[in-house]
Amino acid sequence: MDATASRRMQDLPPKGGYAPIQTARIKLRSVIGAKSIFGFFFASTCIGWYGYYLTHLKVRRDQIEMRSARNAIMPALLAEQDRAILIHMRRNRDMETELMKNVEGWEVGKYYGEPIFFLDEEDQWRDPIYYEYFAHVSPNILDARTLRHLIT
C-alpha cells in the first residue's frame, strides 16, 4: 500500500464556499390585511347583534304569550283547587260524622259544643290548616304528602 492512499482525505468546504448564514428578518407574506380583518370583525359583530336582537324579540313575544296564558287560566286553576279542597273537606266532615255518631252530644264542626271555626261572616272562606285537611288520612300518606309539600 501506498503512503498517500493510506492517508485520509480531509473534508473541505465546497468550491466557492458555503452560502451566507441568514440573520436578517424575513417578513411573512400577509394573506389578509389589517383593514380586511377589522372589516370582517365589524361585519360579524353587526350580524351577531342583529341575530341577538331578533332572538330577543322572539323571546319577549313568547314570554308575553306565556304570561297572558297563565293569567287567563289562573282563575280556572284556583277554582279547581278550591273545588278539590271543598270535596276533601266534605269527605272529612262525613268521616267525622261516621266516627262520632255513637258519642252523645257530639256535633260535627264543634268540640264538645264549642265552635272550632270563628268566622266573621257566614259565607267567609277560610283555608284549612294542613293537618286538619289530612285529619283522616293514613300516617304514611301524610308523610309522603308532607315530604312532597316541603320539596316542591
Protein backbone atom coordinates (compact mmCIF):
# COMPACT_ATOMS: atom_id res chain seq x y z
CA MET A 1 0.00 0.00 0.00
CA ASP A 2 0.94 3.42 -0.80
CA ALA A 3 1.52 6.00 1.91
CA THR A 4 -0.64 8.58 0.20
CA ALA A 5 -3.51 6.16 -0.27
CA SER A 6 -3.49 5.23 3.37
CA ARG A 7 -3.82 8.84 4.34
CA ARG A 8 -7.28 10.08 4.94
CA MET A 9 -8.89 12.76 2.83
CA GLN A 10 -9.80 15.92 4.77
CA ASP A 11 -13.40 17.16 4.48
CA LEU A 12 -13.28 20.61 2.92
CA PRO A 13 -15.89 23.24 2.08
CA PRO A 14 -17.33 23.15 -1.39
CA LYS A 15 -15.69 25.14 -4.11
CA GLY A 16 -16.88 28.74 -3.88
CA GLY A 17 -17.70 28.34 -0.15
CA TYR A 18 -20.83 27.84 1.85
CA ALA A 19 -23.92 30.02 1.35
CA PRO A 20 -24.10 33.00 3.69
CA ILE A 21 -25.94 32.47 7.00
CA GLN A 22 -29.14 34.43 7.03
CA THR A 23 -29.52 36.65 10.06
CA ALA A 24 -31.83 39.30 8.64
CA ARG A 25 -35.59 39.17 9.44
CA ILE A 26 -37.79 37.74 6.69
CA LYS A 27 -41.17 39.43 6.62
CA LEU A 28 -44.04 36.95 6.29
CA ARG A 29 -46.37 37.32 3.37
CA SER A 30 -49.71 38.59 4.69
CA VAL A 31 -52.79 36.81 3.44
CA ILE A 32 -55.30 39.28 4.85
CA GLY A 33 -54.53 42.86 5.66
CA ALA A 34 -55.40 44.71 8.86
CA LYS A 35 -58.23 46.61 7.20
CA SER A 36 -59.79 43.39 5.97
CA ILE A 37 -59.55 41.81 9.43
CA PHE A 38 -61.14 44.85 11.09
CA GLY A 39 -63.89 44.93 8.43
CA PHE A 40 -64.62 41.22 8.92
CA PHE A 41 -64.72 41.68 12.71
CA PHE A 42 -67.07 44.68 12.44
CA ALA A 43 -69.38 42.89 9.97
CA SER A 44 -69.57 39.70 12.02
CA THR A 45 -70.25 41.71 15.20
CA CYS A 46 -73.08 43.62 13.48
CA ILE A 47 -74.60 40.40 12.13
CA GLY A 48 -74.32 38.79 15.58
CA TRP A 49 -76.03 41.71 17.32
CA TYR A 50 -78.81 41.70 14.71
CA GLY A 51 -79.35 37.97 15.31
CA TYR A 52 -79.35 38.57 19.06
CA TYR A 53 -81.92 41.35 18.62
CA LEU A 54 -84.23 39.11 16.56
CA THR A 55 -83.93 36.31 19.13
CA HIS A 56 -84.62 38.78 21.94
CA LEU A 57 -87.80 39.92 20.19
CA LYS A 58 -88.99 36.33 19.79
CA VAL A 59 -88.22 35.51 23.43
CA ARG A 60 -90.12 38.61 24.59
CA ARG A 61 -93.13 37.66 22.44
CA ASP A 62 -93.07 34.14 23.87
CA GLN A 63 -92.84 35.49 27.42
CA ILE A 64 -95.80 37.81 26.85
CA GLU A 65 -97.81 34.95 25.38
CA MET A 66 -96.99 32.64 28.30
CA ARG A 67 -97.79 35.35 30.83
CA SER A 68 -101.13 36.03 29.11
CA ALA A 69 -101.95 32.32 29.04
CA ARG A 70 -101.03 31.97 32.72
CA ASN A 71 -103.19 34.97 33.63
CA ALA A 72 -106.09 33.59 31.58
CA ILE A 73 -106.01 30.11 33.09
CA MET A 74 -105.21 31.08 36.71
CA PRO A 75 -108.84 31.72 37.80
CA ALA A 76 -109.88 28.31 36.46
CA LEU A 77 -106.96 26.60 38.25
CA LEU A 78 -107.75 28.36 41.52
CA ALA A 79 -111.43 27.42 41.19
CA GLU A 80 -110.48 23.78 40.60
CA GLN A 81 -108.16 23.84 43.60
CA ASP A 82 -110.90 25.34 45.79
CA ARG A 83 -113.36 22.76 44.49
CA ALA A 84 -110.96 19.90 45.31
CA ILE A 85 -110.43 21.33 48.81
CA LEU A 86 -114.19 21.59 49.37
CA ILE A 87 -114.74 18.00 48.22
CA HIS A 88 -111.98 16.77 50.54
CA MET A 89 -113.29 18.81 53.48
CA ARG A 90 -116.78 17.41 52.83
CA ARG A 91 -115.27 13.91 52.91
CA ASN A 92 -113.55 14.79 56.23
CA ARG A 93 -116.85 16.03 57.65
CA ASP A 94 -118.64 12.85 56.57
CA MET A 95 -115.88 10.73 58.16
CA GLU A 96 -116.17 12.73 61.39
CA THR A 97 -119.93 12.22 61.37
CA GLU A 98 -119.47 8.47 60.86
CA LEU A 99 -116.75 8.17 63.52
CA MET A 100 -118.52 10.19 66.21
CA LYS A 101 -122.11 9.01 65.62
CA ASN A 102 -122.12 7.00 68.89
CA VAL A 103 -120.75 9.85 71.03
CA GLU A 104 -123.59 11.52 72.88
CA GLY A 105 -123.88 15.27 72.33
CA TRP A 106 -121.27 15.42 69.58
CA GLU A 107 -121.87 17.96 66.86
CA VAL A 108 -119.84 18.00 63.68
CA GLY A 109 -117.59 21.07 63.45
CA LYS A 110 -117.68 21.66 67.22
CA TYR A 111 -115.53 20.39 70.04
CA TYR A 112 -117.86 19.45 72.89
CA GLY A 113 -120.30 22.16 71.91
CA GLU A 114 -117.68 24.87 71.32
CA PRO A 115 -117.34 26.03 67.70
CA ILE A 116 -113.94 25.33 66.21
CA PHE A 117 -114.17 27.85 63.41
CA PHE A 118 -114.55 31.52 64.16
CA LEU A 119 -115.66 33.31 61.02
CA ASP A 120 -116.71 36.92 60.64
CA GLU A 121 -119.43 36.10 58.13
CA GLU A 122 -121.44 33.01 57.30
CA ASP A 123 -120.07 32.82 53.73
CA GLN A 124 -116.47 33.56 54.64
CA TRP A 125 -113.80 31.21 53.27
CA ARG A 126 -111.00 30.02 55.49
CA ASP A 127 -108.18 27.90 54.15
CA PRO A 128 -107.96 24.68 56.15
CA ILE A 129 -104.92 24.00 58.29
CA TYR A 130 -102.57 21.45 56.71
CA TYR A 131 -103.08 18.76 59.37
CA GLU A 132 -106.80 19.47 59.53
CA TYR A 133 -107.01 18.82 55.80
CA PHE A 134 -105.32 15.42 56.25
CA ALA A 135 -107.10 14.56 59.51
CA HIS A 136 -108.44 11.15 58.40
CA VAL A 137 -105.51 10.02 56.26
CA SER A 138 -103.06 7.21 56.91
CA PRO A 139 -99.80 8.44 58.50
CA ASN A 140 -97.79 7.01 55.58
CA ILE A 141 -99.79 9.06 53.09
CA LEU A 142 -99.50 12.12 55.34
CA ASP A 143 -95.70 11.70 55.50
CA ALA A 144 -95.44 11.32 51.72
CA ARG A 145 -97.63 14.38 51.12
CA THR A 146 -95.69 16.41 53.69
CA LEU A 147 -92.39 15.49 52.08
CA ARG A 148 -93.71 16.38 48.63
CA HIS A 149 -95.12 19.64 50.02
CA LEU A 150 -91.76 20.57 51.55
CA ILE A 151 -89.74 19.64 48.45
CA THR A 152 -91.91 21.49 45.94
